[in-house]
Amino acid sequence: MHGRNHRTSHPVNLMLNYAYAVLESQVRIATAAESPDSTIGYLRTCRPGRVALVFDLMDSPRPKVNWLVINYVRSHRFRPSDFVLSHSGICKLSPQLV
């Protein structure tokens, strides 16, 4: 995920980013066990150091991740202490929420 800015000021986007990071780590582990070269993608351009196959494989479960996060947001009562807002406006998940 080089070159991308993952800072967000909205709590729902923050939770989505966190969920995508968890998904990415799971797909990376599964891919490492099964694929000799995870830089070879089918949908994304192959570049040195970019795990295109991992990002390709993340596309299929991404709608389920979205659904899980949205349902969590709708069913959970949040408190201000669930999030930490920096002086520059960057929102982070509080450790007890993760």
PDB file of N, CA and C in Angstrom:
ATOM      1  N   MET A   1       0.820  -1.179   0.000  1.00  0.00           N
ATOM      2  CA  MET A   1       0.000   0.000   0.000  1.00  0.00           C
ATOM      3  C   MET A   1       0.869   1.249   0.000  1.00  0.00           C
ATOM      4  N   HIS A   2       1.944   1.204  -0.688  1.00  0.00           N
ATOM      5  CA  HIS A   2       2.851   2.326  -0.740  1.00  0.00           C
ATOM      6  C   HIS A   2       2.236   3.452  -1.549  1.00  0.00           C
ATOM      7  N   GLY A   3       2.513   4.698  -1.129  1.00  0.00           N
ATOM      8  CA  GLY A   3       2.055   5.842  -1.883  1.00  0.00           C
ATOM      9  C   GLY A   3       0.621   6.237  -1.634  1.00  0.00           C
ATOM     10  N   ARG A   4      -0.064   5.547  -0.767  1.00  0.00           N
ATOM     11  CA  ARG A   4      -1.455   5.880  -0.478  1.00  0.00           C
ATOM     12  C   ARG A   4      -1.539   6.497   0.906  1.00  0.00           C
ATOM     13  N   ASN A   5      -2.430   7.443   1.051  1.00  0.00           N
ATOM     14  CA  ASN A   5      -2.615   8.094   2.332  1.00  0.00           C
ATOM     15  C   ASN A   5      -3.796   7.446   3.030  1.00  0.00           C
ATOM     16  N   HIS A   6      -3.532   6.807   4.174  1.00  0.00           N
ATOM     17  CA  HIS A   6      -4.586   6.091   4.886  1.00  0.00           C
ATOM     18  C   HIS A   6      -5.100   6.873   6.084  1.00  0.00           C
ATOM     19  N   ARG A   7      -4.841   8.167   6.093  1.00  0.00           N
ATOM     20  CA  ARG A   7      -5.371   8.994   7.163  1.00  0.00           C
ATOM     21  C   ARG A   7      -6.821   9.314   6.851  1.00  0.00           C
ATOM     22  N   THR A   8      -7.619   9.298   7.864  1.00  0.00           N
ATOM     23  CA  THR A   8      -9.027   9.599   7.680  1.00  0.00           C
ATOM     24  C   THR A   8      -9.537  10.357   8.884  1.00  0.00           C
ATOM     25  N   SER A   9     -10.547  11.162   8.655  1.00  0.00           N
ATOM     26  CA  SER A   9     -11.121  11.911   9.766  1.00  0.00           C
ATOM     27  C   SER A   9     -12.518  11.409  10.108  1.00  0.00           C
ATOM     28  N   HIS A  10     -13.005  10.395   9.394  1.00  0.00           N
ATOM     29  CA  HIS A  10     -14.344   9.871   9.665  1.00  0.00           C
ATOM     30  C   HIS A  10     -14.236   8.481  10.294  1.00  0.00           C
ATOM     31  N   PRO A  11     -14.895   8.272  11.417  1.00  0.00           N
ATOM     32  CA  PRO A  11     -14.778   6.982  12.111  1.00  0.00           C
ATOM     33  C   PRO A  11     -15.180   5.761  11.283  1.00  0.00           C
ATOM     34  N   VAL A  12     -16.201   5.865  10.441  1.00  0.00           N
ATOM     35  CA  VAL A  12     -16.614   4.705   9.636  1.00  0.00           C
ATOM     36  C   VAL A  12     -15.524   4.360   8.625  1.00  0.00           C
ATOM     37  N   ASN A  13     -14.931   5.352   7.987  1.00  0.00           N
ATOM     38  CA  ASN A  13     -13.823   5.072   7.068  1.00  0.00           C
ATOM     39  C   ASN A  13     -12.647   4.459   7.806  1.00  0.00           C
ATOM     40  N   LEU A  14     -12.419   4.907   9.014  1.00  0.00           N
ATOM     41  CA  LEU A  14     -11.358   4.353   9.830  1.00  0.00           C
ATOM     42  C   LEU A  14     -11.598   2.864  10.101  1.00  0.00           C
ATOM     43  N   MET A  15     -12.823   2.517  10.448  1.00  0.00           N
ATOM     44  CA  MET A  15     -13.149   1.108  10.704  1.00  0.00           C
ATOM     45  C   MET A  15     -13.048   0.273   9.434  1.00  0.00           C
ATOM     46  N   LEU A  16     -13.448   0.830   8.302  1.00  0.00           N
ATOM     47  CA  LEU A  16     -13.300   0.116   7.031  1.00  0.00           C
ATOM     48  C   LEU A  16     -11.818  -0.118   6.717  1.00  0.00           C
ATOM     49  N   ASN A  17     -10.993   0.907   6.908  1.00  0.00           N
ATOM     50  CA  ASN A  17      -9.559   0.751   6.661  1.00  0.00           C
ATOM     51  C   ASN A  17      -8.969  -0.341   7.553  1.00  0.00           C
ATOM     52  N   TYR A  18      -9.376  -0.352   8.799  1.00  0.00           N
ATOM     53  CA  TYR A  18      -8.882  -1.373   9.735  1.00  0.00           C
ATOM     54  C   TYR A  18      -9.326  -2.771   9.271  1.00  0.00           C
ATOM     55  N   ALA A  19     -10.590  -2.903   8.897  1.00  0.00           N
ATOM     56  CA  ALA A  19     -11.111  -4.197   8.438  1.00  0.00           C
ATOM     57  C   ALA A  19     -10.406  -4.653   7.165  1.00  0.00           C
ATOM     58  N   TYR A  20     -10.114  -3.725   6.244  1.00  0.00           N
ATOM     59  CA  TYR A  20      -9.391  -4.087   5.024  1.00  0.00           C
ATOM     60  C   TYR A  20      -7.968  -4.528   5.341  1.00  0.00           C
ATOM     61  N   ALA A  21      -7.345  -3.916   6.338  1.00  0.00           N
ATOM     62  CA  ALA A  21      -5.993  -4.318   6.736  1.00  0.00           C
ATOM     63  C   ALA A  21      -6.002  -5.737   7.302  1.00  0.00           C
ATOM     64  N   VAL A  22      -7.033  -6.069   8.067  1.00  0.00           N
ATOM     65  CA  VAL A  22      -7.163  -7.432   8.597  1.00  0.00           C
ATOM     66  C   VAL A  22      -7.364  -8.408   7.435  1.00  0.00           C
ATOM     67  N   LEU A  23      -8.252  -8.057   6.509  1.00  0.00           N
ATOM     68  CA  LEU A  23      -8.483  -8.905   5.331  1.00  0.00           C
ATOM     69  C   LEU A  23      -7.187  -9.083   4.540  1.00  0.00           C
ATOM     70  N   GLU A  24      -6.460  -7.995   4.322  1.00  0.00           N
ATOM     71  CA  GLU A  24      -5.209  -8.084   3.572  1.00  0.00           C
ATOM     72  C   GLU A  24      -4.221  -9.024   4.248  1.00  0.00           C
ATOM     73  N   SER A  25      -4.108  -8.944   5.560  1.00  0.00           N
ATOM     74  CA  SER A  25      -3.156  -9.831   6.246  1.00  0.00           C
ATOM     75  C   SER A  25      -3.578 -11.294   6.114  1.00  0.00           C
ATOM     76  N   GLN A  26      -4.877 -11.568   6.180  1.00  0.00           N
ATOM     77  CA  GLN A  26      -5.357 -12.945   6.027  1.00  0.00           C
ATOM     78  C   GLN A  26      -5.089 -13.466   4.616  1.00  0.00           C
ATOM     79  N   VAL A  27      -5.323 -12.613   3.621  1.00  0.00           N
ATOM     80  CA  VAL A  27      -5.095 -13.028   2.229  1.00  0.00           C
ATOM     81  C   VAL A  27      -3.600 -13.190   1.973  1.00  0.00           C
ATOM     82  N   ARG A  28      -2.778 -12.320   2.550  1.00  0.00           N
ATOM     83  CA  ARG A  28      -1.323 -12.458   2.389  1.00  0.00           C
ATOM     84  C   ARG A  28      -0.839 -13.798   2.945  1.00  0.00           C
ATOM     85  N   ILE A  29      -1.324 -14.175   4.106  1.00  0.00           N
ATOM     86  CA  ILE A  29      -0.915 -15.438   4.728  1.00  0.00           C
ATOM     87  C   ILE A  29      -1.346 -16.615   3.858  1.00  0.00           C
ATOM     88  N   ALA A  30      -2.599 -16.598   3.405  1.00  0.00           N
ATOM     89  CA  ALA A  30      -3.102 -17.688   2.563  1.00  0.00           C
ATOM     90  C   ALA A  30      -2.359 -17.742   1.235  1.00  0.00           C
ATOM     91  N   THR A  31      -2.067 -16.586   0.661  1.00  0.00           N
ATOM     92  CA  THR A  31      -1.367 -16.534  -0.617  1.00  0.00           C
ATOM     93  C   THR A  31       0.066 -17.030  -0.476  1.00  0.00           C
ATOM     94  N   ALA A  32       0.722 -16.658   0.614  1.00  0.00           N
ATOM     95  CA  ALA A  32       2.108 -17.097   0.825  1.00  0.00           C
ATOM     96  C   ALA A  32       2.197 -18.617   0.919  1.00  0.00           C
ATOM     97  N   ALA A  33       1.155 -19.218   1.466  1.00  0.00           N
ATOM     98  CA  ALA A  33       1.150 -20.673   1.603  1.00  0.00           C
ATOM     99  C   ALA A  33       0.865 -21.385   0.283  1.00  0.00           C
ATOM    100  N   GLU A  34       0.198 -20.722  -0.638  1.00  0.00           N
ATOM    101  CA  GLU A  34      -0.259 -21.388  -1.864  1.00  0.00           C
ATOM    102  C   GLU A  34       0.386 -20.891  -3.150  1.00  0.00           C
ATOM    103  N   SER A  35       0.927 -19.681  -3.157  1.00  0.00           N
ATOM    104  CA  SER A  35       1.418 -19.093  -4.399  1.00  0.00           C
ATOM    105  C   SER A  35       2.918 -18.833  -4.323  1.00  0.00           C
ATOM    106  N   PRO A  36       3.650 -19.254  -5.329  1.00  0.00           N
ATOM    107  CA  PRO A  36       5.081 -18.990  -5.313  1.00  0.00           C
ATOM    108  C   PRO A  36       5.421 -17.508  -5.544  1.00  0.00           C
ATOM    109  N   ASP A  37       4.523 -16.756  -6.179  1.00  0.00           N
ATOM    110  CA  ASP A  37       4.797 -15.346  -6.470  1.00  0.00           C
ATOM    111  C   ASP A  37       3.513 -14.537  -6.382  1.00  0.00           C
ATOM    112  N   SER A  38       3.348 -13.824  -5.287  1.00  0.00           N
ATOM    113  CA  SER A  38       2.117 -13.046  -5.096  1.00  0.00           C
ATOM    114  C   SER A  38       2.173 -11.693  -5.789  1.00  0.00           C
ATOM    115  N   THR A  39       3.274 -11.394  -6.495  1.00  0.00           N
ATOM    116  CA  THR A  39       3.337 -10.132  -7.245  1.00  0.00           C
ATOM    117  C   THR A  39       2.676 -10.251  -8.612  1.00  0.00           C
ATOM    118  N   ILE A  40       2.330 -11.465  -9.007  1.00  0.00           N
ATOM    119  CA  ILE A  40       1.677 -11.666 -10.300  1.00  0.00           C
ATOM    120  C   ILE A  40       0.171 -11.583 -10.096  1.00  0.00           C
ATOM    121  N   GLY A  41      -0.424 -10.526 -10.630  1.00  0.00           N
ATOM    122  CA  GLY A  41      -1.858 -10.327 -10.500  1.00  0.00           C
ATOM    123  C   GLY A  41      -2.570 -10.584 -11.809  1.00  0.00           C
ATOM    124  N   TYR A  42      -3.868 -10.699 -11.706  1.00  0.00           N
ATOM    125  CA  TYR A  42      -4.690 -10.909 -12.899  1.00  0.00           C
ATOM    126  C   TYR A  42      -5.467  -9.657 -13.251  1.00  0.00           C
ATOM    127  N   LEU A  43      -5.845  -8.889 -12.254  1.00  0.00           N
ATOM    128  CA  LEU A  43      -6.619  -7.675 -12.463  1.00  0.00           C
ATOM    129  C   LEU A  43      -5.775  -6.416 -12.335  1.00  0.00           C
ATOM    130  N   ARG A  44      -4.715  -6.495 -11.574  1.00  0.00           N
ATOM    131  CA  ARG A  44      -3.868  -5.343 -11.302  1.00  0.00           C
ATOM    132  C   ARG A  44      -2.521  -5.493 -11.994  1.00  0.00           C
ATOM    133  N   THR A  45      -1.903  -4.358 -12.252  1.00  0.00           N
ATOM    134  CA  THR A  45      -0.608  -4.334 -12.899  1.00  0.00           C
ATOM    135  C   THR A  45       0.455  -4.920 -11.980  1.00  0.00           C
ATOM    136  N   CYS A  46       1.292  -5.735 -12.544  1.00  0.00           N
ATOM    137  CA  CYS A  46       2.394  -6.325 -11.788  1.00  0.00           C
ATOM    138  C   CYS A  46       3.532  -5.311 -11.710  1.00  0.00           C
ATOM    139  N   ARG A  47       3.947  -5.002 -10.493  1.00  0.00           N
ATOM    140  CA  ARG A  47       5.074  -4.102 -10.261  1.00  0.00           C
ATOM    141  C   ARG A  47       5.955  -4.728  -9.189  1.00  0.00           C
ATOM    142  N   PRO A  48       7.247  -4.467  -9.249  1.00  0.00           N
ATOM    143  CA  PRO A  48       8.132  -5.013  -8.215  1.00  0.00           C
ATOM    144  C   PRO A  48       7.696  -4.547  -6.817  1.00  0.00           C
ATOM    145  N   GLY A  49       7.612  -5.496  -5.903  1.00  0.00           N
ATOM    146  CA  GLY A  49       7.245  -5.179  -4.530  1.00  0.00           C
ATOM    147  C   GLY A  49       5.759  -5.041  -4.271  1.00  0.00           C
ATOM    148  N   ARG A  50       4.935  -5.045  -5.295  1.00  0.00           N
ATOM    149  CA  ARG A  50       3.487  -4.923  -5.131  1.00  0.00           C
ATOM    150  C   ARG A  50       2.872  -6.317  -5.182  1.00  0.00           C
ATOM    151  N   VAL A  51       2.094  -6.647  -4.172  1.00  0.00           N
ATOM    152  CA  VAL A  51       1.477  -7.973  -4.117  1.00  0.00           C
ATOM    153  C   VAL A  51       0.117  -7.919  -4.832  1.00  0.00           C
ATOM    154  N   ALA A  52       0.187  -7.824  -6.147  1.00  0.00           N
ATOM    155  CA  ALA A  52      -1.015  -7.657  -6.966  1.00  0.00           C
ATOM    156  C   ALA A  52      -2.008  -8.796  -6.766  1.00  0.00           C
ATOM    157  N   LEU A  53      -1.514 -10.013  -6.617  1.00  0.00           N
ATOM    158  CA  LEU A  53      -2.409 -11.156  -6.427  1.00  0.00           C
ATOM    159  C   LEU A  53      -3.214 -11.011  -5.135  1.00  0.00           C
ATOM    160  N   VAL A  54      -2.575 -10.527  -4.077  1.00  0.00           N
ATOM    161  CA  VAL A  54      -3.271 -10.324  -2.806  1.00  0.00           C
ATOM    162  C   VAL A  54      -4.411  -9.328  -2.993  1.00  0.00           C
ATOM    163  N   PHE A  55      -4.129  -8.219  -3.660  1.00  0.00           N
ATOM    164  CA  PHE A  55      -5.166  -7.204  -3.873  1.00  0.00           C
ATOM    165  C   PHE A  55      -6.278  -7.724  -4.794  1.00  0.00           C
ATOM    166  N   ASP A  56      -5.906  -8.530  -5.788  1.00  0.00           N
ATOM    167  CA  ASP A  56      -6.924  -9.161  -6.645  1.00  0.00           C
ATOM    168  C   ASP A  56      -7.852 -10.054  -5.826  1.00  0.00           C
ATOM    169  N   LEU A  57      -7.261 -10.871  -4.965  1.00  0.00           N
ATOM    170  CA  LEU A  57      -8.057 -11.810  -4.173  1.00  0.00           C
ATOM    171  C   LEU A  57      -8.893 -11.117  -3.096  1.00  0.00           C
ATOM    172  N   MET A  58      -8.511  -9.919  -2.718  1.00  0.00           N
ATOM    173  CA  MET A  58      -9.286  -9.168  -1.722  1.00  0.00           C
ATOM    174  C   MET A  58     -10.596  -8.627  -2.297  1.00  0.00           C
ATOM    175  N   ASP A  59     -10.695  -8.502  -3.605  1.00  0.00           N
ATOM    176  CA  ASP A  59     -11.896  -7.918  -4.214  1.00  0.00           C
ATOM    177  C   ASP A  59     -13.162  -8.711  -3.933  1.00  0.00           C
ATOM    178  N   SER A  60     -13.063 -10.021  -3.949  1.00  0.00           N
ATOM    179  CA  SER A  60     -14.251 -10.849  -3.755  1.00  0.00           C
ATOM    180  C   SER A  60     -14.860 -10.718  -2.351  1.00  0.00           C
ATOM    181  N   PRO A  61     -14.080 -10.799  -1.276  1.00  0.00           N
ATOM    182  CA  PRO A  61     -14.690 -10.671   0.053  1.00  0.00           C
ATOM    183  C   PRO A  61     -14.919  -9.222   0.515  1.00  0.00           C
ATOM    184  N   ARG A  62     -14.478  -8.240  -0.250  1.00  0.00           N
ATOM    185  CA  ARG A  62     -14.609  -6.838   0.167  1.00  0.00           C
ATOM    186  C   ARG A  62     -16.058  -6.430   0.442  1.00  0.00           C
ATOM    187  N   PRO A  63     -17.051  -6.815  -0.373  1.00  0.00           N
ATOM    188  CA  PRO A  63     -18.439  -6.452  -0.043  1.00  0.00           C
ATOM    189  C   PRO A  63     -18.907  -7.027   1.295  1.00  0.00           C
ATOM    190  N   LYS A  64     -18.441  -8.234   1.640  1.00  0.00           N
ATOM    191  CA  LYS A  64     -18.817  -8.809   2.926  1.00  0.00           C
ATOM    192  C   LYS A  64     -18.190  -8.019   4.068  1.00  0.00           C
ATOM    193  N   VAL A  65     -16.955  -7.588   3.892  1.00  0.00           N
ATOM    194  CA  VAL A  65     -16.289  -6.755   4.893  1.00  0.00           C
ATOM    195  C   VAL A  65     -17.069  -5.455   5.075  1.00  0.00           C
ATOM    196  N   ASN A  66     -17.454  -4.838   3.962  1.00  0.00           N
ATOM    197  CA  ASN A  66     -18.258  -3.608   4.030  1.00  0.00           C
ATOM    198  C   ASN A  66     -19.537  -3.849   4.820  1.00  0.00           C
ATOM    199  N   TRP A  67     -20.224  -4.940   4.510  1.00  0.00           N
ATOM    200  CA  TRP A  67     -21.484  -5.268   5.172  1.00  0.00           C
ATOM    201  C   TRP A  67     -21.273  -5.469   6.674  1.00  0.00           C
ATOM    202  N   LEU A  68     -20.217  -6.192   7.046  1.00  0.00           N
ATOM    203  CA  LEU A  68     -19.933  -6.432   8.461  1.00  0.00           C
ATOM    204  C   LEU A  68     -19.665  -5.125   9.211  1.00  0.00           C
ATOM    205  N   VAL A  69     -18.882  -4.254   8.613  1.00  0.00           N
ATOM    206  CA  VAL A  69     -18.578  -2.974   9.267  1.00  0.00           C
ATOM    207  C   VAL A  69     -19.830  -2.117   9.381  1.00  0.00           C
ATOM    208  N   ILE A  70     -20.599  -2.021   8.311  1.00  0.00           N
ATOM    209  CA  ILE A  70     -21.823  -1.199   8.340  1.00  0.00           C
ATOM    210  C   ILE A  70     -22.803  -1.746   9.377  1.00  0.00           C
ATOM    211  N   ASN A  71     -22.978  -3.048   9.440  1.00  0.00           N
ATOM    212  CA  ASN A  71     -23.865  -3.628  10.453  1.00  0.00           C
ATOM    213  C   ASN A  71     -23.351  -3.383  11.861  1.00  0.00           C
ATOM    214  N   TYR A  72     -22.052  -3.448  12.036  1.00  0.00           N
ATOM    215  CA  TYR A  72     -21.468  -3.156  13.346  1.00  0.00           C
ATOM    216  C   TYR A  72     -21.746  -1.703  13.738  1.00  0.00           C
ATOM    217  N   VAL A  73     -21.557  -0.804  12.802  1.00  0.00           N
ATOM    218  CA  VAL A  73     -21.798   0.624  13.064  1.00  0.00           C
ATOM    219  C   VAL A  73     -23.263   0.859  13.415  1.00  0.00           C
ATOM    220  N   ARG A  74     -24.152   0.206  12.692  1.00  0.00           N
ATOM    221  CA  ARG A  74     -25.585   0.403  12.930  1.00  0.00           C
ATOM    222  C   ARG A  74     -26.047  -0.194  14.257  1.00  0.00           C
ATOM    223  N   SER A  75     -25.397  -1.242  14.715  1.00  0.00           N
ATOM    224  CA  SER A  75     -25.877  -1.933  15.908  1.00  0.00           C
ATOM    225  C   SER A  75     -25.106  -1.577  17.187  1.00  0.00           C
ATOM    226  N   HIS A  76     -24.058  -0.814  17.069  1.00  0.00           N
ATOM    227  CA  HIS A  76     -23.208  -0.505  18.222  1.00  0.00           C
ATOM    228  C   HIS A  76     -23.420   0.940  18.669  1.00  0.00           C
ATOM    229  N   ARG A  77     -23.462   1.143  19.937  1.00  0.00           N
ATOM    230  CA  ARG A  77     -23.548   2.502  20.476  1.00  0.00           C
ATOM    231  C   ARG A  77     -22.122   2.949  20.830  1.00  0.00           C
ATOM    232  N   PHE A  78     -21.648   3.923  20.105  1.00  0.00           N
ATOM    233  CA  PHE A  78     -20.287   4.412  20.296  1.00  0.00           C
ATOM    234  C   PHE A  78     -20.238   5.500  21.347  1.00  0.00           C
ATOM    235  N   ARG A  79     -19.065   5.581  21.977  1.00  0.00           N
ATOM    236  CA  ARG A  79     -18.791   6.638  22.950  1.00  0.00           C
ATOM    237  C   ARG A  79     -17.640   7.479  22.399  1.00  0.00           C
ATOM    238  N   PRO A  80     -17.536   8.715  22.829  1.00  0.00           N
ATOM    239  CA  PRO A  80     -16.400   9.533  22.371  1.00  0.00           C
ATOM    240  C   PRO A  80     -15.043   8.885  22.679  1.00  0.00           C
ATOM    241  N   SER A  81     -14.973   8.114  23.744  1.00  0.00           N
ATOM    242  CA  SER A  81     -13.702   7.478  24.105  1.00  0.00           C
ATOM    243  C   SER A  81     -13.320   6.323  23.161  1.00  0.00           C
ATOM    244  N   ASP A  82     -14.224   5.936  22.257  1.00  0.00           N
ATOM    245  CA  ASP A  82     -13.915   4.877  21.296  1.00  0.00           C
ATOM    246  C   ASP A  82     -12.962   5.354  20.199  1.00  0.00           C
ATOM    247  N   PHE A  83     -12.813   6.669  20.082  1.00  0.00           N
ATOM    248  CA  PHE A  83     -11.984   7.246  19.031  1.00  0.00           C
ATOM    249  C   PHE A  83     -11.066   8.300  19.626  1.00  0.00           C
ATOM    250  N   VAL A  84      -9.924   8.447  19.008  1.00  0.00           N
ATOM    251  CA  VAL A  84      -8.969   9.468  19.416  1.00  0.00           C
ATOM    252  C   VAL A  84      -8.799  10.397  18.224  1.00  0.00           C
ATOM    253  N   LEU A  85      -9.048  11.678  18.431  1.00  0.00           N
ATOM    254  CA  LEU A  85      -8.926  12.676  17.368  1.00  0.00           C
ATOM    255  C   LEU A  85      -7.700  13.527  17.643  1.00  0.00           C
ATOM    256  N   SER A  86      -6.775  13.536  16.681  1.00  0.00           N
ATOM    257  CA  SER A  86      -5.554  14.317  16.856  1.00  0.00           C
ATOM    258  C   SER A  86      -5.826  15.791  16.595  1.00  0.00           C
ATOM    259  N   HIS A  87      -4.861  16.629  16.931  1.00  0.00           N
ATOM    260  CA  HIS A  87      -4.995  18.069  16.700  1.00  0.00           C
ATOM    261  C   HIS A  87      -5.103  18.393  15.210  1.00  0.00           C
ATOM    262  N   SER A  88      -4.556  17.523  14.374  1.00  0.00           N
ATOM    263  CA  SER A  88      -4.611  17.750  12.921  1.00  0.00           C
ATOM    264  C   SER A  88      -5.873  17.172  12.290  1.00  0.00           C
ATOM    265  N   GLY A  89      -6.776  16.611  13.106  1.00  0.00           N
ATOM    266  CA  GLY A  89      -8.054  16.106  12.590  1.00  0.00           C
ATOM    267  C   GLY A  89      -8.043  14.649  12.192  1.00  0.00           C
ATOM    268  N   ILE A  90      -6.963  13.941  12.475  1.00  0.00           N
ATOM    269  CA  ILE A  90      -6.871  12.525  12.126  1.00  0.00           C
ATOM    270  C   ILE A  90      -7.529  11.702  13.228  1.00  0.00           C
ATOM    271  N   CYS A  91      -8.412  10.816  12.809  1.00  0.00           N
ATOM    272  CA  CYS A  91      -9.151   9.973  13.743  1.00  0.00           C
ATOM    273  C   CYS A  91      -8.492   8.601  13.820  1.00  0.00           C
ATOM    274  N   LYS A  92      -8.356   8.082  15.044  1.00  0.00           N
ATOM    275  CA  LYS A  92      -7.782   6.744  15.247  1.00  0.00           C
ATOM    276  C   LYS A  92      -8.726   5.952  16.148  1.00  0.00           C
ATOM    277  N   LEU A  93      -8.707   4.639  15.958  1.00  0.00           N
ATOM    278  CA  LEU A  93      -9.483   3.767  16.835  1.00  0.00           C
ATOM    279  C   LEU A  93      -8.794   3.688  18.184  1.00  0.00           C
ATOM    280  N   SER A  94      -9.581   3.757  19.207  1.00  0.00           N
ATOM    281  CA  SER A  94      -9.057   3.583  20.550  1.00  0.00           C
ATOM    282  C   SER A  94      -8.729   2.103  20.745  1.00  0.00           C
ATOM    283  N   PRO A  95      -7.682   1.766  21.505  1.00  0.00           N
ATOM    284  CA  PRO A  95      -7.298   0.346  21.675  1.00  0.00           C
ATOM    285  C   PRO A  95      -8.434  -0.543  22.196  1.00  0.00           C
ATOM    286  N   GLN A  96      -9.318  -0.044  23.044  1.00  0.00           N
ATOM    287  CA  GLN A  96     -10.401  -0.893  23.561  1.00  0.00           C
ATOM    288  C   GLN A  96     -11.445  -1.229  22.478  1.00  0.00           C
ATOM    289  N   LEU A  97     -11.524  -0.425  21.413  1.00  0.00           N
ATOM    290  CA  LEU A  97     -12.486  -0.703  20.343  1.00  0.00           C
ATOM    291  C   LEU A  97     -11.947  -1.775  19.400  1.00  0.00           C
ATOM    292  N   VAL A  98     -10.650  -1.833  19.245  1.00  0.00           N
ATOM    293  CA  VAL A  98     -10.028  -2.812  18.363  1.00  0.00           C
ATOM    294  C   VAL A  98     -10.072  -4.122  19.066  1.00  0.00           C
TER     295      VAL A  98
END
